[in-house]
């Protein structure tokens, strides 16, 4: 705009009247022509001076307007620019703290044995083979659902100081269906000092419709750290979550991810749908079944139960599912008292 204005003032100084009078002055030097030429020059100089003055005023006004606009409307910043970046070391320490607080509540179910009621020699359950199972719950042409368990191993978490342990039904289903056994298994726990010890666990309740089961161990309450129970009704897609379990027999394994989806529907062991399941990309592999899915506060928000894979590969696709803790809260008290859920008692 400034260069355009300067160009306009140059054109204005070479007016036709000034050129004509200047030409007449060179051909005849009459006093009148001189006077007219002088007058024209004076007028032209005055016009140029006025034009320059106007130009300076316009430039000043433009600068003032621009300055006021900048002051009145500061540049918009992205959310990341407005908020200071979190310290990676602090984030790392937070995750470490969550694991340290939550891991003592996680147990591992191993070496399941069917112990005859009349005593005598116990026999190994088929679950003790410790081979990877890919039990198909539901499938189509290219995809399948599989239980996140290894034969002979599973995960769970301590529910209360009375020694009740929550796990998946499909982890202990052989115990539940064997009518000649005492329905017991071996459970490995961790004391408050981080030392691992084992106890016999007795199956006292289960419900395949919700893929839930309750084991009972006889341990002094002060040696147990029950899990902190949260809620699943206010979860949001994108929030952080953590899974602790026993994948392929590797105890106290932590995986991290986010809540990828809510309100999913997955099949239960008896074919009935489990609604409201939590989808996560936190790695859930064979042996994670029954372990807790935890939020950023260390509260249990779900029970890891299944993964979605390409058919025949057995490899997790990152699409994993957990039973919402609100379903567990409604079901577990009945399993402890009655051995089954209310819906199965009538």
C-alpha atoms as a PDB file:
ATOM      1  CA  UNK A   1       0.000   0.000   0.000  1.00  0.00           C
ATOM      2  CA  UNK A   2       2.870   2.343   0.752  1.00  0.00           C
ATOM      3  CA  UNK A   3       4.543   1.857  -2.614  1.00  0.00           C
ATOM      4  CA  UNK A   4       1.200   2.371  -4.322  1.00  0.00           C
ATOM      5  CA  UNK A   5       0.770   5.654  -2.498  1.00  0.00           C
ATOM      6  CA  UNK A   6       4.200   6.813  -3.458  1.00  0.00           C
ATOM      7  CA  UNK A   7       3.483   5.955  -7.073  1.00  0.00           C
ATOM      8  CA  UNK A   8       0.278   8.035  -6.958  1.00  0.00           C
ATOM      9  CA  UNK A   9       2.075  11.180  -5.730  1.00  0.00           C
ATOM     10  CA  UNK A  10       4.603  10.997  -8.578  1.00  0.00           C
ATOM     11  CA  UNK A  11       1.837  10.893 -11.170  1.00  0.00           C
ATOM     12  CA  UNK A  12       0.048  13.774  -9.507  1.00  0.00           C
ATOM     13  CA  UNK A  13       3.058  16.161  -9.844  1.00  0.00           C
ATOM     14  CA  UNK A  14       3.128  15.826 -13.647  1.00  0.00           C
ATOM     15  CA  UNK A  15      -0.307  17.340 -14.277  1.00  0.00           C
ATOM     16  CA  UNK A  16      -1.316  18.273 -17.919  1.00  0.00           C
ATOM     17  CA  UNK A  17      -1.726  21.930 -16.975  1.00  0.00           C
ATOM     18  CA  UNK A  18       1.804  22.151 -15.631  1.00  0.00           C
ATOM     19  CA  UNK A  19       3.216  20.526 -18.792  1.00  0.00           C
ATOM     20  CA  UNK A  20       1.287  22.856 -21.089  1.00  0.00           C
ATOM     21  CA  UNK A  21       2.348  25.985 -19.235  1.00  0.00           C
ATOM     22  CA  UNK A  22       5.942  24.813 -19.139  1.00  0.00           C
ATOM     23  CA  UNK A  23       5.873  24.298 -22.935  1.00  0.00           C
ATOM     24  CA  UNK A  24       4.405  27.767 -23.506  1.00  0.00           C
ATOM     25  CA  UNK A  25       7.052  29.278 -21.267  1.00  0.00           C
ATOM     26  CA  UNK A  26       9.869  27.847 -23.344  1.00  0.00           C
ATOM     27  CA  UNK A  27       8.413  29.172 -26.664  1.00  0.00           C
ATOM     28  CA  UNK A  28       7.482  32.656 -25.438  1.00  0.00           C
ATOM     29  CA  UNK A  29       8.784  34.239 -22.275  1.00  0.00           C
ATOM     30  CA  UNK A  30       5.842  36.531 -21.657  1.00  0.00           C
ATOM     31  CA  UNK A  31       5.331  37.805 -18.111  1.00  0.00           C
ATOM     32  CA  UNK A  32       1.906  36.228 -18.064  1.00  0.00           C
ATOM     33  CA  UNK A  33       3.295  32.841 -18.995  1.00  0.00           C
ATOM     34  CA  UNK A  34       6.009  33.216 -16.383  1.00  0.00           C
ATOM     35  CA  UNK A  35       3.430  34.089 -13.819  1.00  0.00           C
ATOM     36  CA  UNK A  36       1.253  31.196 -14.810  1.00  0.00           C
ATOM     37  CA  UNK A  37       4.236  28.854 -14.758  1.00  0.00           C
ATOM     38  CA  UNK A  38       5.286  30.125 -11.359  1.00  0.00           C
ATOM     39  CA  UNK A  39       1.739  29.781 -10.106  1.00  0.00           C
ATOM     40  CA  UNK A  40       1.510  26.255 -11.507  1.00  0.00           C
ATOM     41  CA  UNK A  41       4.783  25.259  -9.863  1.00  0.00           C
ATOM     42  CA  UNK A  42       3.643  26.675  -6.565  1.00  0.00           C
ATOM     43  CA  UNK A  43       0.326  24.879  -6.853  1.00  0.00           C
ATOM     44  CA  UNK A  44       2.059  21.623  -7.780  1.00  0.00           C
ATOM     45  CA  UNK A  45       4.476  21.907  -4.864  1.00  0.00           C
ATOM     46  CA  UNK A  46       1.607  22.613  -2.537  1.00  0.00           C
ATOM     47  CA  UNK A  47      -0.311  19.613  -3.872  1.00  0.00           C
ATOM     48  CA  UNK A  48       2.705  17.345  -3.458  1.00  0.00           C
ATOM     49  CA  UNK A  49       3.248  18.617   0.055  1.00  0.00           C
ATOM     50  CA  UNK A  50      -0.410  17.993   0.933  1.00  0.00           C
ATOM     51  CA  UNK A  51      -0.297  14.581  -0.672  1.00  0.00           C
ATOM     52  CA  UNK A  52       2.820  13.637   1.290  1.00  0.00           C
ATOM     53  CA  UNK A  53       1.200  14.889   4.458  1.00  0.00           C
ATOM     54  CA  UNK A  54      -1.888  12.801   3.751  1.00  0.00           C
ATOM     55  CA  UNK A  55       0.335   9.821   3.056  1.00  0.00           C
ATOM     56  CA  UNK A  56       2.087  10.172   6.403  1.00  0.00           C
ATOM     57  CA  UNK A  57      -1.279  10.507   8.171  1.00  0.00           C
ATOM     58  CA  UNK A  58      -2.570   7.396   6.459  1.00  0.00           C
ATOM     59  CA  UNK A  59       0.555   5.425   7.300  1.00  0.00           C
ATOM     60  CA  UNK A  60       0.364   6.575  10.920  1.00  0.00           C
ATOM     61  CA  UNK A  61      -3.326   5.628  11.163  1.00  0.00           C
ATOM     62  CA  UNK A  62      -2.614   2.233   9.609  1.00  0.00           C
ATOM     63  CA  UNK A  63       0.180   1.557  12.086  1.00  0.00           C
ATOM     64  CA  UNK A  64      -2.008   2.612  15.010  1.00  0.00           C
ATOM     65  CA  UNK A  65      -4.828   0.355  13.787  1.00  0.00           C
ATOM     66  CA  UNK A  66      -2.450  -2.577  13.373  1.00  0.00           C
ATOM     67  CA  UNK A  67      -0.976  -2.040  16.843  1.00  0.00           C
ATOM     68  CA  UNK A  68      -4.391  -1.906  18.489  1.00  0.00           C
ATOM     69  CA  UNK A  69      -5.456  -5.092  16.678  1.00  0.00           C
ATOM     70  CA  UNK A  70      -2.387  -6.954  17.890  1.00  0.00           C
ATOM     71  CA  UNK A  71      -2.917  -5.792  21.467  1.00  0.00           C
ATOM     72  CA  UNK A  72      -6.633  -6.540  21.434  1.00  0.00           C
ATOM     73  CA  UNK A  73      -6.369  -9.981  19.791  1.00  0.00           C
ATOM     74  CA  UNK A  74      -3.358 -11.996  20.975  1.00  0.00           C
ATOM     75  CA  UNK A  75      -2.438 -14.961  18.755  1.00  0.00           C
ATOM     76  CA  UNK A  76      -4.287 -18.197  19.437  1.00  0.00           C
ATOM     77  CA  UNK A  77      -2.141 -20.955  20.863  1.00  0.00           C
ATOM     78  CA  UNK A  78      -2.664 -24.679  20.554  1.00  0.00           C
ATOM     79  CA  UNK A  79      -3.482 -26.622  23.696  1.00  0.00           C
ATOM     80  CA  UNK A  80       0.045 -28.000  23.774  1.00  0.00           C
ATOM     81  CA  UNK A  81       1.499 -24.489  23.529  1.00  0.00           C
ATOM     82  CA  UNK A  82      -0.778 -23.069  26.208  1.00  0.00           C
ATOM     83  CA  UNK A  83      -0.041 -25.807  28.723  1.00  0.00           C
ATOM     84  CA  UNK A  84       3.477 -26.690  29.770  1.00  0.00           C
ATOM     85  CA  UNK A  85       4.635 -30.098  28.637  1.00  0.00           C
ATOM     86  CA  UNK A  86       4.591 -32.710  31.390  1.00  0.00           C
ATOM     87  CA  UNK A  87       7.958 -33.866  32.577  1.00  0.00           C
ATOM     88  CA  UNK A  88       8.651 -37.319  31.048  1.00  0.00           C
ATOM     89  CA  UNK A  89      10.465 -38.345  34.208  1.00  0.00           C
ATOM     90  CA  UNK A  90       7.458 -37.416  36.353  1.00  0.00           C
ATOM     91  CA  UNK A  91       5.180 -39.422  34.071  1.00  0.00           C
ATOM     92  CA  UNK A  92       7.529 -42.382  34.339  1.00  0.00           C
ATOM     93  CA  UNK A  93       7.578 -42.147  38.130  1.00  0.00           C
ATOM     94  CA  UNK A  94       3.782 -42.003  38.178  1.00  0.00           C
ATOM     95  CA  UNK A  95       3.500 -45.272  36.242  1.00  0.00           C
ATOM     96  CA  UNK A  96       6.104 -46.918  38.479  1.00  0.00           C
ATOM     97  CA  UNK A  97       4.136 -45.819  41.560  1.00  0.00           C
ATOM     98  CA  UNK A  98       0.880 -47.204  40.148  1.00  0.00           C
ATOM     99  CA  UNK A  99       2.519 -50.584  39.560  1.00  0.00           C
ATOM    100  CA  UNK A 100       4.148 -50.696  42.991  1.00  0.00           C
ATOM    101  CA  UNK A 101       0.854 -49.935  44.711  1.00  0.00           C
ATOM    102  CA  UNK A 102      -1.300 -52.283  42.638  1.00  0.00           C
ATOM    103  CA  UNK A 103       0.934 -55.317  42.074  1.00  0.00           C
ATOM    104  CA  UNK A 104       0.559 -56.813  45.612  1.00  0.00           C
ATOM    105  CA  UNK A 105      -3.167 -57.260  44.986  1.00  0.00           C
ATOM    106  CA  UNK A 106      -2.585 -59.338  41.840  1.00  0.00           C
ATOM    107  CA  UNK A 107      -2.382 -63.126  42.224  1.00  0.00           C
ATOM    108  CA  UNK A 108      -1.444 -65.929  39.891  1.00  0.00           C
ATOM    109  CA  UNK A 109      -3.324 -69.176  39.551  1.00  0.00           C
ATOM    110  CA  UNK A 110      -1.048 -72.070  38.593  1.00  0.00           C
ATOM    111  CA  UNK A 111      -0.674 -75.818  38.578  1.00  0.00           C
ATOM    112  CA  UNK A 112      -4.355 -76.560  38.986  1.00  0.00           C
ATOM    113  CA  UNK A 113      -4.955 -80.009  40.433  1.00  0.00           C
ATOM    114  CA  UNK A 114      -8.082 -82.067  40.798  1.00  0.00           C
ATOM    115  CA  UNK A 115      -7.915 -83.512  44.297  1.00  0.00           C
ATOM    116  CA  UNK A 116     -10.193 -86.530  44.883  1.00  0.00           C
ATOM    117  CA  UNK A 117     -12.644 -86.116  47.742  1.00  0.00           C
ATOM    118  CA  UNK A 118     -11.680 -89.442  49.257  1.00  0.00           C
ATOM    119  CA  UNK A 119      -8.057 -88.442  49.535  1.00  0.00           C
ATOM    120  CA  UNK A 120      -5.421 -90.484  47.773  1.00  0.00           C
ATOM    121  CA  UNK A 121      -3.358 -89.435  44.849  1.00  0.00           C
ATOM    122  CA  UNK A 122      -4.305 -86.230  43.122  1.00  0.00           C
ATOM    123  CA  UNK A 123      -4.376 -86.001  39.367  1.00  0.00           C
ATOM    124  CA  UNK A 124      -3.234 -83.141  37.227  1.00  0.00           C
ATOM    125  CA  UNK A 125      -5.940 -81.152  35.570  1.00  0.00           C
ATOM    126  CA  UNK A 126      -5.701 -80.720  31.810  1.00  0.00           C
ATOM    127  CA  UNK A 127      -5.157 -77.074  32.730  1.00  0.00           C
ATOM    128  CA  UNK A 128      -1.723 -77.951  34.110  1.00  0.00           C
ATOM    129  CA  UNK A 129      -0.304 -78.728  30.664  1.00  0.00           C
ATOM    130  CA  UNK A 130       0.825 -75.105  30.362  1.00  0.00           C
ATOM    131  CA  UNK A 131       0.339 -74.939  26.642  1.00  0.00           C
ATOM    132  CA  UNK A 132      -1.137 -71.918  25.009  1.00  0.00           C
ATOM    133  CA  UNK A 133      -4.845 -72.264  24.508  1.00  0.00           C
ATOM    134  CA  UNK A 134      -6.712 -70.621  21.676  1.00  0.00           C
ATOM    135  CA  UNK A 135     -10.242 -71.498  22.653  1.00  0.00           C
ATOM    136  CA  UNK A 136     -12.505 -69.994  20.065  1.00  0.00           C
ATOM    137  CA  UNK A 137     -15.501 -68.330  21.640  1.00  0.00           C
ATOM    138  CA  UNK A 138     -16.938 -66.818  18.500  1.00  0.00           C
ATOM    139  CA  UNK A 139     -15.523 -66.485  15.023  1.00  0.00           C
ATOM    140  CA  UNK A 140     -16.192 -65.519  11.447  1.00  0.00           C
ATOM    141  CA  UNK A 141     -14.234 -66.219   8.290  1.00  0.00           C
ATOM    142  CA  UNK A 142     -11.053 -64.311   9.157  1.00  0.00           C
ATOM    143  CA  UNK A 143     -11.252 -63.390  12.843  1.00  0.00           C
ATOM    144  CA  UNK A 144     -11.761 -65.025  16.205  1.00  0.00           C
ATOM    145  CA  UNK A 145     -12.154 -64.278  19.899  1.00  0.00           C
ATOM    146  CA  UNK A 146      -9.793 -66.110  22.220  1.00  0.00           C
ATOM    147  CA  UNK A 147      -9.560 -66.360  25.982  1.00  0.00           C
ATOM    148  CA  UNK A 148      -6.487 -64.618  27.340  1.00  0.00           C
ATOM    149  CA  UNK A 149      -5.149 -67.614  29.249  1.00  0.00           C
ATOM    150  CA  UNK A 150      -2.441 -70.248  29.209  1.00  0.00           C
ATOM    151  CA  UNK A 151      -3.297 -73.791  30.210  1.00  0.00           C
ATOM    152  CA  UNK A 152      -2.474 -74.117  33.890  1.00  0.00           C
ATOM    153  CA  UNK A 153      -2.049 -70.419  34.550  1.00  0.00           C
ATOM    154  CA  UNK A 154      -4.267 -67.443  35.062  1.00  0.00           C
ATOM    155  CA  UNK A 155      -4.478 -64.191  36.954  1.00  0.00           C
ATOM    156  CA  UNK A 156      -6.767 -62.705  39.562  1.00  0.00           C
ATOM    157  CA  UNK A 157      -6.843 -60.048  42.251  1.00  0.00           C
ATOM    158  CA  UNK A 158      -7.563 -59.890  45.973  1.00  0.00           C
ATOM    159  CA  UNK A 159     -11.083 -58.693  46.663  1.00  0.00           C
ATOM    160  CA  UNK A 160     -11.015 -58.361  50.465  1.00  0.00           C
ATOM    161  CA  UNK A 161      -9.028 -59.222  53.585  1.00  0.00           C
ATOM    162  CA  UNK A 162     -11.139 -62.345  54.056  1.00  0.00           C
ATOM    163  CA  UNK A 163      -9.106 -63.937  51.262  1.00  0.00           C
ATOM    164  CA  UNK A 164     -11.602 -63.808  48.402  1.00  0.00           C
ATOM    165  CA  UNK A 165     -10.008 -63.654  44.963  1.00  0.00           C
ATOM    166  CA  UNK A 166     -11.754 -62.592  41.768  1.00  0.00           C
ATOM    167  CA  UNK A 167     -10.816 -64.193  38.456  1.00  0.00           C
ATOM    168  CA  UNK A 168     -12.421 -65.272  35.183  1.00  0.00           C
ATOM    169  CA  UNK A 169     -14.636 -68.332  35.023  1.00  0.00           C
ATOM    170  CA  UNK A 170     -12.796 -69.625  31.961  1.00  0.00           C
ATOM    171  CA  UNK A 171      -9.551 -69.720  33.991  1.00  0.00           C
ATOM    172  CA  UNK A 172     -10.979 -72.327  36.394  1.00  0.00           C
ATOM    173  CA  UNK A 173     -13.721 -73.863  34.249  1.00  0.00           C
ATOM    174  CA  UNK A 174     -12.242 -77.363  34.519  1.00  0.00           C
ATOM    175  CA  UNK A 175     -12.478 -77.150  38.304  1.00  0.00           C
ATOM    176  CA  UNK A 176     -16.053 -75.906  38.096  1.00  0.00           C
ATOM    177  CA  UNK A 177     -17.201 -78.748  35.876  1.00  0.00           C
ATOM    178  CA  UNK A 178     -15.331 -81.597  37.620  1.00  0.00           C
ATOM    179  CA  UNK A 179     -17.803 -83.071  40.098  1.00  0.00           C
ATOM    180  CA  UNK A 180     -15.377 -85.553  41.669  1.00  0.00           C
ATOM    181  CA  UNK A 181     -12.842 -82.998  42.864  1.00  0.00           C
ATOM    182  CA  UNK A 182     -12.658 -80.682  45.805  1.00  0.00           C
ATOM    183  CA  UNK A 183     -12.363 -77.826  43.311  1.00  0.00           C
ATOM    184  CA  UNK A 184      -9.056 -76.556  44.595  1.00  0.00           C
ATOM    185  CA  UNK A 185      -6.007 -75.045  42.957  1.00  0.00           C
ATOM    186  CA  UNK A 186      -2.724 -73.394  43.879  1.00  0.00           C
ATOM    187  CA  UNK A 187      -2.630 -69.632  44.145  1.00  0.00           C
ATOM    188  CA  UNK A 188       0.544 -67.571  44.297  1.00  0.00           C
ATOM    189  CA  UNK A 189       0.335 -64.317  46.213  1.00  0.00           C
ATOM    190  CA  UNK A 190       2.692 -61.499  47.090  1.00  0.00           C
ATOM    191  CA  UNK A 191       3.038 -60.160  50.610  1.00  0.00           C
ATOM    192  CA  UNK A 192       3.465 -56.490  51.443  1.00  0.00           C
ATOM    193  CA  UNK A 193       7.251 -56.876  51.299  1.00  0.00           C
ATOM    194  CA  UNK A 194       7.151 -58.239  47.771  1.00  0.00           C
ATOM    195  CA  UNK A 195       7.807 -61.862  48.754  1.00  0.00           C
ATOM    196  CA  UNK A 196       5.890 -64.535  46.846  1.00  0.00           C
ATOM    197  CA  UNK A 197       4.154 -67.402  48.656  1.00  0.00           C
ATOM    198  CA  UNK A 198       1.574 -69.968  47.626  1.00  0.00           C
ATOM    199  CA  UNK A 199      -1.706 -71.088  49.167  1.00  0.00           C
ATOM    200  CA  UNK A 200      -4.412 -73.524  48.268  1.00  0.00           C
ATOM    201  CA  UNK A 201      -7.371 -71.816  46.688  1.00  0.00           C
ATOM    202  CA  UNK A 202     -10.874 -73.224  46.867  1.00  0.00           C
ATOM    203  CA  UNK A 203     -13.522 -72.450  44.278  1.00  0.00           C
ATOM    204  CA  UNK A 204     -16.582 -71.109  46.119  1.00  0.00           C
ATOM    205  CA  UNK A 205     -18.613 -69.408  43.406  1.00  0.00           C
ATOM    206  CA  UNK A 206     -18.808 -68.790  39.675  1.00  0.00           C
ATOM    207  CA  UNK A 207     -21.054 -67.507  36.927  1.00  0.00           C
ATOM    208  CA  UNK A 208     -20.173 -68.314  33.299  1.00  0.00           C
ATOM    209  CA  UNK A 209     -22.717 -65.754  32.067  1.00  0.00           C
ATOM    210  CA  UNK A 210     -20.452 -62.980  33.359  1.00  0.00           C
ATOM    211  CA  UNK A 211     -17.228 -65.019  33.055  1.00  0.00           C
ATOM    212  CA  UNK A 212     -16.558 -64.507  36.768  1.00  0.00           C
ATOM    213  CA  UNK A 213     -15.377 -66.831  39.540  1.00  0.00           C
ATOM    214  CA  UNK A 214     -14.386 -66.535  43.207  1.00  0.00           C
ATOM    215  CA  UNK A 215     -11.555 -68.407  44.908  1.00  0.00           C
ATOM    216  CA  UNK A 216     -10.926 -68.433  48.658  1.00  0.00           C
ATOM    217  CA  UNK A 217      -7.495 -68.644  50.307  1.00  0.00           C
ATOM    218  CA  UNK A 218      -6.819 -68.924  54.027  1.00  0.00           C
ATOM    219  CA  UNK A 219      -4.369 -66.114  54.717  1.00  0.00           C
ATOM    220  CA  UNK A 220      -4.162 -63.687  57.600  1.00  0.00           C
ATOM    221  CA  UNK A 221      -5.754 -60.408  56.620  1.00  0.00           C
ATOM    222  CA  UNK A 222      -2.725 -58.294  57.461  1.00  0.00           C
ATOM    223  CA  UNK A 223      -0.753 -60.137  54.785  1.00  0.00           C
ATOM    224  CA  UNK A 224      -3.210 -59.230  52.068  1.00  0.00           C
ATOM    225  CA  UNK A 225      -3.645 -56.010  50.168  1.00  0.00           C
ATOM    226  CA  UNK A 226      -7.095 -55.880  48.571  1.00  0.00           C
ATOM    227  CA  UNK A 227      -7.396 -54.064  45.283  1.00  0.00           C
ATOM    228  CA  UNK A 228      -8.735 -50.530  45.187  1.00  0.00           C
ATOM    229  CA  UNK A 229     -12.050 -50.793  43.387  1.00  0.00           C
ATOM    230  CA  UNK A 230     -13.032 -47.983  41.065  1.00  0.00           C
ATOM    231  CA  UNK A 231     -15.970 -47.485  38.717  1.00  0.00           C
ATOM    232  CA  UNK A 232     -16.494 -47.927  35.007  1.00  0.00           C
ATOM    233  CA  UNK A 233     -19.514 -45.705  34.473  1.00  0.00           C
ATOM    234  CA  UNK A 234     -17.527 -42.497  33.967  1.00  0.00           C
ATOM    235  CA  UNK A 235     -14.692 -43.849  31.832  1.00  0.00           C
ATOM    236  CA  UNK A 236     -13.679 -41.836  28.780  1.00  0.00           C
ATOM    237  CA  UNK A 237     -12.104 -42.969  25.555  1.00  0.00           C
ATOM    238  CA  UNK A 238      -8.483 -41.878  25.522  1.00  0.00           C
ATOM    239  CA  UNK A 239      -7.754 -42.082  29.227  1.00  0.00           C
ATOM    240  CA  UNK A 240      -4.754 -44.123  30.343  1.00  0.00           C
ATOM    241  CA  UNK A 241      -5.106 -47.648  31.670  1.00  0.00           C
ATOM    242  CA  UNK A 242      -2.779 -50.420  32.822  1.00  0.00           C
ATOM    243  CA  UNK A 243      -3.001 -54.213  32.839  1.00  0.00           C
ATOM    244  CA  UNK A 244      -1.164 -56.431  35.321  1.00  0.00           C
ATOM    245  CA  UNK A 245      -1.132 -60.166  34.816  1.00  0.00           C
ATOM    246  CA  UNK A 246       0.713 -63.387  34.160  1.00  0.00           C
ATOM    247  CA  UNK A 247       1.181 -63.603  30.362  1.00  0.00           C
ATOM    248  CA  UNK A 248       2.786 -66.887  29.340  1.00  0.00           C
ATOM    249  CA  UNK A 249       3.728 -67.481  32.982  1.00  0.00           C
ATOM    250  CA  UNK A 250       5.733 -64.256  33.407  1.00  0.00           C
ATOM    251  CA  UNK A 251       4.549 -62.976  36.764  1.00  0.00           C
ATOM    252  CA  UNK A 252       3.656 -59.379  37.544  1.00  0.00           C
ATOM    253  CA  UNK A 253       3.863 -58.139  33.983  1.00  0.00           C
ATOM    254  CA  UNK A 254       2.698 -54.570  33.408  1.00  0.00           C
ATOM    255  CA  UNK A 255       1.369 -53.316  30.087  1.00  0.00           C
ATOM    256  CA  UNK A 256       0.081 -49.833  29.364  1.00  0.00           C
ATOM    257  CA  UNK A 257      -2.411 -48.331  26.965  1.00  0.00           C
ATOM    258  CA  UNK A 258      -5.587 -46.316  26.709  1.00  0.00           C
ATOM    259  CA  UNK A 259      -9.302 -46.946  26.803  1.00  0.00           C
ATOM    260  CA  UNK A 260      -9.972 -47.487  23.097  1.00  0.00           C
ATOM    261  CA  UNK A 261     -13.724 -47.942  23.239  1.00  0.00           C
ATOM    262  CA  UNK A 262     -16.699 -48.338  25.555  1.00  0.00           C
ATOM    263  CA  UNK A 263     -19.977 -50.208  25.525  1.00  0.00           C
ATOM    264  CA  UNK A 264     -18.646 -53.166  23.552  1.00  0.00           C
ATOM    265  CA  UNK A 265     -20.350 -56.545  23.534  1.00  0.00           C
ATOM    266  CA  UNK A 266     -18.326 -59.743  23.914  1.00  0.00           C
ATOM    267  CA  UNK A 267     -19.435 -63.374  24.258  1.00  0.00           C
ATOM    268  CA  UNK A 268     -19.293 -65.172  27.596  1.00  0.00           C
ATOM    269  CA  UNK A 269     -18.169 -68.810  27.963  1.00  0.00           C
ATOM    270  CA  UNK A 270     -21.783 -69.994  27.809  1.00  0.00           C
ATOM    271  CA  UNK A 271     -22.554 -67.862  24.778  1.00  0.00           C
ATOM    272  CA  UNK A 272     -24.518 -65.099  26.470  1.00  0.00           C
ATOM    273  CA  UNK A 273     -23.332 -61.585  25.635  1.00  0.00           C
ATOM    274  CA  UNK A 274     -21.453 -59.498  28.181  1.00  0.00           C
ATOM    275  CA  UNK A 275     -22.493 -55.924  27.509  1.00  0.00           C
ATOM    276  CA  UNK A 276     -20.631 -52.743  28.306  1.00  0.00           C
ATOM    277  CA  UNK A 277     -17.173 -54.282  27.920  1.00  0.00           C
ATOM    278  CA  UNK A 278     -14.141 -52.001  27.891  1.00  0.00           C
ATOM    279  CA  UNK A 279     -11.921 -52.052  24.814  1.00  0.00           C
ATOM    280  CA  UNK A 280      -8.238 -51.267  25.328  1.00  0.00           C
ATOM    281  CA  UNK A 281      -4.952 -51.434  23.453  1.00  0.00           C
ATOM    282  CA  UNK A 282      -3.043 -52.339  26.623  1.00  0.00           C
ATOM    283  CA  UNK A 283      -1.517 -55.680  25.668  1.00  0.00           C
ATOM    284  CA  UNK A 284      -3.521 -58.636  26.968  1.00  0.00           C
ATOM    285  CA  UNK A 285      -1.983 -61.998  26.148  1.00  0.00           C
ATOM    286  CA  UNK A 286      -2.460 -65.587  27.175  1.00  0.00           C
ATOM    287  CA  UNK A 287      -2.226 -65.699  30.972  1.00  0.00           C
ATOM    288  CA  UNK A 288      -3.658 -62.223  31.546  1.00  0.00           C
ATOM    289  CA  UNK A 289      -7.183 -63.547  32.044  1.00  0.00           C
ATOM    290  CA  UNK A 290      -8.642 -62.554  35.397  1.00  0.00           C
ATOM    291  CA  UNK A 291      -6.093 -59.827  36.050  1.00  0.00           C
ATOM    292  CA  UNK A 292      -7.120 -56.240  36.747  1.00  0.00           C
ATOM    293  CA  UNK A 293      -7.345 -53.342  34.323  1.00  0.00           C
ATOM    294  CA  UNK A 294      -6.351 -50.258  36.326  1.00  0.00           C
ATOM    295  CA  UNK A 295      -6.822 -46.524  35.837  1.00  0.00           C
ATOM    296  CA  UNK A 296      -4.346 -43.713  36.516  1.00  0.00           C
ATOM    297  CA  UNK A 297      -5.341 -43.643  40.196  1.00  0.00           C
ATOM    298  CA  UNK A 298      -4.564 -47.329  40.707  1.00  0.00           C
ATOM    299  CA  UNK A 299      -8.247 -48.293  40.881  1.00  0.00           C
ATOM    300  CA  UNK A 300      -9.551 -51.432  39.191  1.00  0.00           C
ATOM    301  CA  UNK A 301     -11.901 -50.515  36.338  1.00  0.00           C
ATOM    302  CA  UNK A 302     -12.221 -53.925  34.707  1.00  0.00           C
ATOM    303  CA  UNK A 303     -11.119 -57.573  34.519  1.00  0.00           C
ATOM    304  CA  UNK A 304      -9.015 -58.521  31.512  1.00  0.00           C
ATOM    305  CA  UNK A 305     -10.728 -61.351  29.717  1.00  0.00           C
ATOM    306  CA  UNK A 306     -10.325 -61.633  25.941  1.00  0.00           C
ATOM    307  CA  UNK A 307      -8.437 -60.477  22.880  1.00  0.00           C
ATOM    308  CA  UNK A 308      -9.367 -60.225  19.218  1.00  0.00           C
ATOM    309  CA  UNK A 309      -7.003 -61.881  16.741  1.00  0.00           C
ATOM    310  CA  UNK A 310      -6.678 -62.796  13.121  1.00  0.00           C
ATOM    311  CA  UNK A 311      -7.837 -66.355  12.743  1.00  0.00           C
ATOM    312  CA  UNK A 312      -5.139 -68.970  13.172  1.00  0.00           C
ATOM    313  CA  UNK A 313      -2.394 -66.583  14.301  1.00  0.00           C
ATOM    314  CA  UNK A 314      -3.021 -66.436  18.049  1.00  0.00           C
ATOM    315  CA  UNK A 315      -1.352 -63.025  17.990  1.00  0.00           C
ATOM    316  CA  UNK A 316      -3.102 -60.139  19.707  1.00  0.00           C
ATOM    317  CA  UNK A 317      -4.222 -57.434  17.323  1.00  0.00           C
ATOM    318  CA  UNK A 318      -4.253 -54.746  20.001  1.00  0.00           C
ATOM    319  CA  UNK A 319      -8.035 -55.045  20.290  1.00  0.00           C
ATOM    320  CA  UNK A 320      -8.507 -56.339  23.827  1.00  0.00           C
ATOM    321  CA  UNK A 321     -11.449 -56.443  26.205  1.00  0.00           C
ATOM    322  CA  UNK A 322     -12.174 -56.254  29.917  1.00  0.00           C
ATOM    323  CA  UNK A 323     -15.353 -56.894  31.893  1.00  0.00           C
ATOM    324  CA  UNK A 324     -16.405 -53.540  33.432  1.00  0.00           C
ATOM    325  CA  UNK A 325     -15.928 -53.341  37.184  1.00  0.00           C
ATOM    326  CA  UNK A 326     -19.514 -52.147  37.712  1.00  0.00           C
ATOM    327  CA  UNK A 327     -20.715 -55.564  36.484  1.00  0.00           C
ATOM    328  CA  UNK A 328     -18.260 -57.223  38.873  1.00  0.00           C
ATOM    329  CA  UNK A 329     -19.504 -55.126  41.801  1.00  0.00           C
ATOM    330  CA  UNK A 330     -23.073 -56.290  41.179  1.00  0.00           C
ATOM    331  CA  UNK A 331     -22.124 -59.952  40.788  1.00  0.00           C
ATOM    332  CA  UNK A 332     -19.317 -60.791  43.228  1.00  0.00           C
ATOM    333  CA  UNK A 333     -21.280 -60.380  46.512  1.00  0.00           C
ATOM    334  CA  UNK A 334     -23.784 -62.992  45.347  1.00  0.00           C
ATOM    335  CA  UNK A 335     -21.025 -65.348  44.242  1.00  0.00           C
ATOM    336  CA  UNK A 336     -19.429 -65.108  47.693  1.00  0.00           C
ATOM    337  CA  UNK A 337     -22.675 -65.669  49.616  1.00  0.00           C
ATOM    338  CA  UNK A 338     -24.635 -68.007  47.331  1.00  0.00           C
ATOM    339  CA  UNK A 339     -22.013 -69.478  45.022  1.00  0.00           C
ATOM    340  CA  UNK A 340     -23.827 -68.120  42.007  1.00  0.00           C
ATOM    341  CA  UNK A 341     -25.359 -64.870  40.809  1.00  0.00           C
ATOM    342  CA  UNK A 342     -28.955 -63.890  41.529  1.00  0.00           C
ATOM    343  CA  UNK A 343     -30.009 -64.493  37.927  1.00  0.00           C
ATOM    344  CA  UNK A 344     -28.847 -68.115  38.141  1.00  0.00           C
ATOM    345  CA  UNK A 345     -30.571 -68.873  41.474  1.00  0.00           C
ATOM    346  CA  UNK A 346     -34.109 -68.655  40.116  1.00  0.00           C
END
